[in-house]
Amino acid sequence: MMDGLQLQWLLDPDAVDMVGLFEDFLHLLEIPPRGGAGAASTEG
């Protein structure tokens, strides 16, 4: 991922936000909690 971003940045540094794009990629890798976002809480 980072190699591809670096190549794009070398070709057009003003058009590529390497940090922002890599952060977006890292957010895509996050595994959602079991049961999904609408799961009932077991607390209380």
PDB file of N, CA and C in Angstrom:
ATOM      1  N   MET A   1       0.833  -1.186   0.000  1.00  0.00           N
ATOM      2  CA  MET A   1       0.000   0.000   0.000  1.00  0.00           C
ATOM      3  C   MET A   1       0.880   1.252   0.000  1.00  0.00           C
ATOM      4  N   MET A   2       1.817   1.299   0.930  1.00  0.00           N
ATOM      5  CA  MET A   2       2.645   2.500   1.047  1.00  0.00           C
ATOM      6  C   MET A   2       3.521   2.696  -0.195  1.00  0.00           C
ATOM      7  N   ASP A   3       4.019   1.600  -0.776  1.00  0.00           N
ATOM      8  CA  ASP A   3       4.837   1.736  -1.992  1.00  0.00           C
ATOM      9  C   ASP A   3       4.032   2.372  -3.116  1.00  0.00           C
ATOM     10  N   GLY A   4       2.788   1.958  -3.279  1.00  0.00           N
ATOM     11  CA  GLY A   4       1.940   2.527  -4.317  1.00  0.00           C
ATOM     12  C   GLY A   4       1.657   3.997  -4.081  1.00  0.00           C
ATOM     13  N   LEU A   5       1.400   4.344  -2.817  1.00  0.00           N
ATOM     14  CA  LEU A   5       1.164   5.756  -2.496  1.00  0.00           C
ATOM     15  C   LEU A   5       2.408   6.593  -2.765  1.00  0.00           C
ATOM     16  N   GLN A   6       3.572   6.048  -2.435  1.00  0.00           N
ATOM     17  CA  GLN A   6       4.811   6.787  -2.662  1.00  0.00           C
ATOM     18  C   GLN A   6       5.045   7.015  -4.158  1.00  0.00           C
ATOM     19  N   LEU A   7       4.750   6.014  -4.974  1.00  0.00           N
ATOM     20  CA  LEU A   7       4.910   6.186  -6.420  1.00  0.00           C
ATOM     21  C   LEU A   7       3.960   7.245  -6.962  1.00  0.00           C
ATOM     22  N   GLN A   8       2.720   7.221  -6.495  1.00  0.00           N
ATOM     23  CA  GLN A   8       1.756   8.233  -6.942  1.00  0.00           C
ATOM     24  C   GLN A   8       2.209   9.616  -6.494  1.00  0.00           C
ATOM     25  N   TRP A   9       2.723   9.720  -5.266  1.00  0.00           N
ATOM     26  CA  TRP A   9       3.188  10.998  -4.739  1.00  0.00           C
ATOM     27  C   TRP A   9       4.369  11.520  -5.558  1.00  0.00           C
ATOM     28  N   LEU A  10       5.279  10.609  -5.952  1.00  0.00           N
ATOM     29  CA  LEU A  10       6.422  11.034  -6.769  1.00  0.00           C
ATOM     30  C   LEU A  10       5.975  11.592  -8.110  1.00  0.00           C
ATOM     31  N   LEU A  11       4.911  11.018  -8.677  1.00  0.00           N
ATOM     32  CA  LEU A  11       4.417  11.490  -9.971  1.00  0.00           C
ATOM     33  C   LEU A  11       3.677  12.812  -9.858  1.00  0.00           C
ATOM     34  N   ASP A  12       2.961  13.028  -8.747  1.00  0.00           N
ATOM     35  CA  ASP A  12       2.181  14.256  -8.585  1.00  0.00           C
ATOM     36  C   ASP A  12       2.008  14.572  -7.098  1.00  0.00           C
ATOM     37  N   PRO A  13       3.034  15.140  -6.454  1.00  0.00           N
ATOM     38  CA  PRO A  13       3.001  15.362  -5.002  1.00  0.00           C
ATOM     39  C   PRO A  13       1.883  16.284  -4.522  1.00  0.00           C
ATOM     40  N   ASP A  14       1.430  17.193  -5.363  1.00  0.00           N
ATOM     41  CA  ASP A  14       0.373  18.114  -4.946  1.00  0.00           C
ATOM     42  C   ASP A  14      -1.002  17.456  -4.925  1.00  0.00           C
ATOM     43  N   ALA A  15      -1.155  16.337  -5.624  1.00  0.00           N
ATOM     44  CA  ALA A  15      -2.468  15.696  -5.741  1.00  0.00           C
ATOM     45  C   ALA A  15      -2.651  14.520  -4.777  1.00  0.00           C
ATOM     46  N   VAL A  16      -1.575  14.109  -4.082  1.00  0.00           N
ATOM     47  CA  VAL A  16      -1.648  12.910  -3.243  1.00  0.00           C
ATOM     48  C   VAL A  16      -1.401  13.272  -1.779  1.00  0.00           C
ATOM     49  N   ASP A  17      -2.378  12.963  -0.947  1.00  0.00           N
ATOM     50  CA  ASP A  17      -2.248  13.144   0.498  1.00  0.00           C
ATOM     51  C   ASP A  17      -1.883  11.777   1.094  1.00  0.00           C
ATOM     52  N   MET A  18      -0.567  11.490   1.121  1.00  0.00           N
ATOM     53  CA  MET A  18      -0.124  10.168   1.562  1.00  0.00           C
ATOM     54  C   MET A  18      -0.591   9.837   2.972  1.00  0.00           C
ATOM     55  N   VAL A  19      -0.461  10.762   3.886  1.00  0.00           N
ATOM     56  CA  VAL A  19      -0.836  10.499   5.278  1.00  0.00           C
ATOM     57  C   VAL A  19      -2.338  10.230   5.380  1.00  0.00           C
ATOM     58  N   GLY A  20      -3.144  11.068   4.780  1.00  0.00           N
ATOM     59  CA  GLY A  20      -4.589  10.899   4.838  1.00  0.00           C
ATOM     60  C   GLY A  20      -5.058   9.600   4.204  1.00  0.00           C
ATOM     61  N   LEU A  21      -4.497   9.274   3.049  1.00  0.00           N
ATOM     62  CA  LEU A  21      -4.884   8.044   2.366  1.00  0.00           C
ATOM     63  C   LEU A  21      -4.448   6.809   3.144  1.00  0.00           C
ATOM     64  N   PHE A  22      -3.268   6.857   3.755  1.00  0.00           N
ATOM     65  CA  PHE A  22      -2.807   5.704   4.528  1.00  0.00           C
ATOM     66  C   PHE A  22      -3.639   5.538   5.796  1.00  0.00           C
ATOM     67  N   GLU A  23      -4.024   6.646   6.431  1.00  0.00           N
ATOM     68  CA  GLU A  23      -4.905   6.562   7.600  1.00  0.00           C
ATOM     69  C   GLU A  23      -6.251   5.956   7.219  1.00  0.00           C
ATOM     70  N   ASP A  24      -6.797   6.346   6.072  1.00  0.00           N
ATOM     71  CA  ASP A  24      -8.053   5.747   5.592  1.00  0.00           C
ATOM     72  C   ASP A  24      -7.892   4.244   5.397  1.00  0.00           C
ATOM     73  N   PHE A  25      -6.766   3.826   4.838  1.00  0.00           N
ATOM     74  CA  PHE A  25      -6.487   2.406   4.636  1.00  0.00           C
ATOM     75  C   PHE A  25      -6.443   1.673   5.972  1.00  0.00           C
ATOM     76  N   LEU A  26      -5.787   2.264   6.977  1.00  0.00           N
ATOM     77  CA  LEU A  26      -5.704   1.620   8.289  1.00  0.00           C
ATOM     78  C   LEU A  26      -7.079   1.482   8.922  1.00  0.00           C
ATOM     79  N   HIS A  27      -7.947   2.459   8.730  1.00  0.00           N
ATOM     80  CA  HIS A  27      -9.314   2.368   9.266  1.00  0.00           C
ATOM     81  C   HIS A  27     -10.088   1.232   8.601  1.00  0.00           C
ATOM     82  N   LEU A  28      -9.801   0.961   7.328  1.00  0.00           N
ATOM     83  CA  LEU A  28     -10.463  -0.146   6.643  1.00  0.00           C
ATOM     84  C   LEU A  28     -10.051  -1.500   7.222  1.00  0.00           C
ATOM     85  N   LEU A  29      -8.878  -1.583   7.797  1.00  0.00           N
ATOM     86  CA  LEU A  29      -8.381  -2.839   8.353  1.00  0.00           C
ATOM     87  C   LEU A  29      -8.960  -3.158   9.721  1.00  0.00           C
ATOM     88  N   GLU A  30      -9.548  -2.177  10.378  1.00  0.00           N
ATOM     89  CA  GLU A  30     -10.109  -2.407  11.710  1.00  0.00           C
ATOM     90  C   GLU A  30     -11.258  -3.401  11.635  1.00  0.00           C
ATOM     91  N   ILE A  31     -11.257  -4.371  12.562  1.00  0.00           N
ATOM     92  CA  ILE A  31     -12.291  -5.393  12.602  1.00  0.00           C
ATOM     93  C   ILE A  31     -13.431  -4.891  13.482  1.00  0.00           C
ATOM     94  N   PRO A  32     -14.657  -4.882  12.972  1.00  0.00           N
ATOM     95  CA  PRO A  32     -15.784  -4.405  13.780  1.00  0.00           C
ATOM     96  C   PRO A  32     -16.025  -5.330  14.981  1.00  0.00           C
ATOM     97  N   PRO A  33     -16.606  -4.819  16.056  1.00  0.00           N
ATOM     98  CA  PRO A  33     -16.897  -5.648  17.228  1.00  0.00           C
ATOM     99  C   PRO A  33     -17.864  -6.763  16.878  1.00  0.00           C
ATOM    100  N   ARG A  34     -17.804  -7.853  17.626  1.00  0.00           N
ATOM    101  CA  ARG A  34     -18.709  -8.980  17.385  1.00  0.00           C
ATOM    102  C   ARG A  34     -20.151  -8.524  17.535  1.00  0.00           C
ATOM    103  N   GLY A  35     -21.004  -9.025  16.675  1.00  0.00           N
ATOM    104  CA  GLY A  35     -22.413  -8.684  16.739  1.00  0.00           C
ATOM    105  C   GLY A  35     -22.761  -7.440  15.938  1.00  0.00           C
ATOM    106  N   GLY A  36     -21.782  -6.773  15.386  1.00  0.00           N
ATOM    107  CA  GLY A  36     -22.033  -5.582  14.587  1.00  0.00           C
ATOM    108  C   GLY A  36     -22.267  -4.359  15.438  1.00  0.00           C
ATOM    109  N   ALA A  37     -22.479  -3.241  14.779  1.00  0.00           N
ATOM    110  CA  ALA A  37     -22.636  -1.961  15.463  1.00  0.00           C
ATOM    111  C   ALA A  37     -23.939  -1.871  16.244  1.00  0.00           C
ATOM    112  N   GLY A  38     -24.967  -2.608  15.838  1.00  0.00           N
ATOM    113  CA  GLY A  38     -26.263  -2.513  16.499  1.00  0.00           C
ATOM    114  C   GLY A  38     -26.480  -3.550  17.588  1.00  0.00           C
ATOM    115  N   ALA A  39     -25.417  -4.243  18.021  1.00  0.00           N
ATOM    116  CA  ALA A  39     -25.567  -5.292  19.029  1.00  0.00           C
ATOM    117  C   ALA A  39     -25.948  -4.701  20.376  1.00  0.00           C
ATOM    118  N   ALA A  40     -26.778  -5.418  21.114  1.00  0.00           N
ATOM    119  CA  ALA A  40     -27.197  -4.962  22.439  1.00  0.00           C
ATOM    120  C   ALA A  40     -26.043  -5.060  23.423  1.00  0.00           C
ATOM    121  N   SER A  41     -25.984  -4.132  24.337  1.00  0.00           N
ATOM    122  CA  SER A  41     -24.936  -4.106  25.342  1.00  0.00           C
ATOM    123  C   SER A  41     -25.245  -5.124  26.434  1.00  0.00           C
ATOM    124  N   THR A  42     -24.179  -5.754  26.974  1.00  0.00           N
ATOM    125  CA  THR A  42     -24.365  -6.734  28.060  1.00  0.00           C
ATOM    126  C   THR A  42     -24.165  -6.089  29.418  1.00  0.00           C
ATOM    127  N   GLU A  43     -23.877  -4.787  29.433  1.00  0.00           N
ATOM    128  CA  GLU A  43     -23.686  -4.078  30.698  1.00  0.00           C
ATOM    129  C   GLU A  43     -25.030  -3.653  31.274  1.00  0.00           C
ATOM    130  N   GLY A  44     -25.071  -3.571  32.640  1.00  0.00           N
ATOM    131  CA  GLY A  44     -26.232  -2.976  33.272  1.00  0.00           C
ATOM    132  C   GLY A  44     -27.167  -3.964  33.735  1.00  0.00           C
TER     133      GLY A  44
END
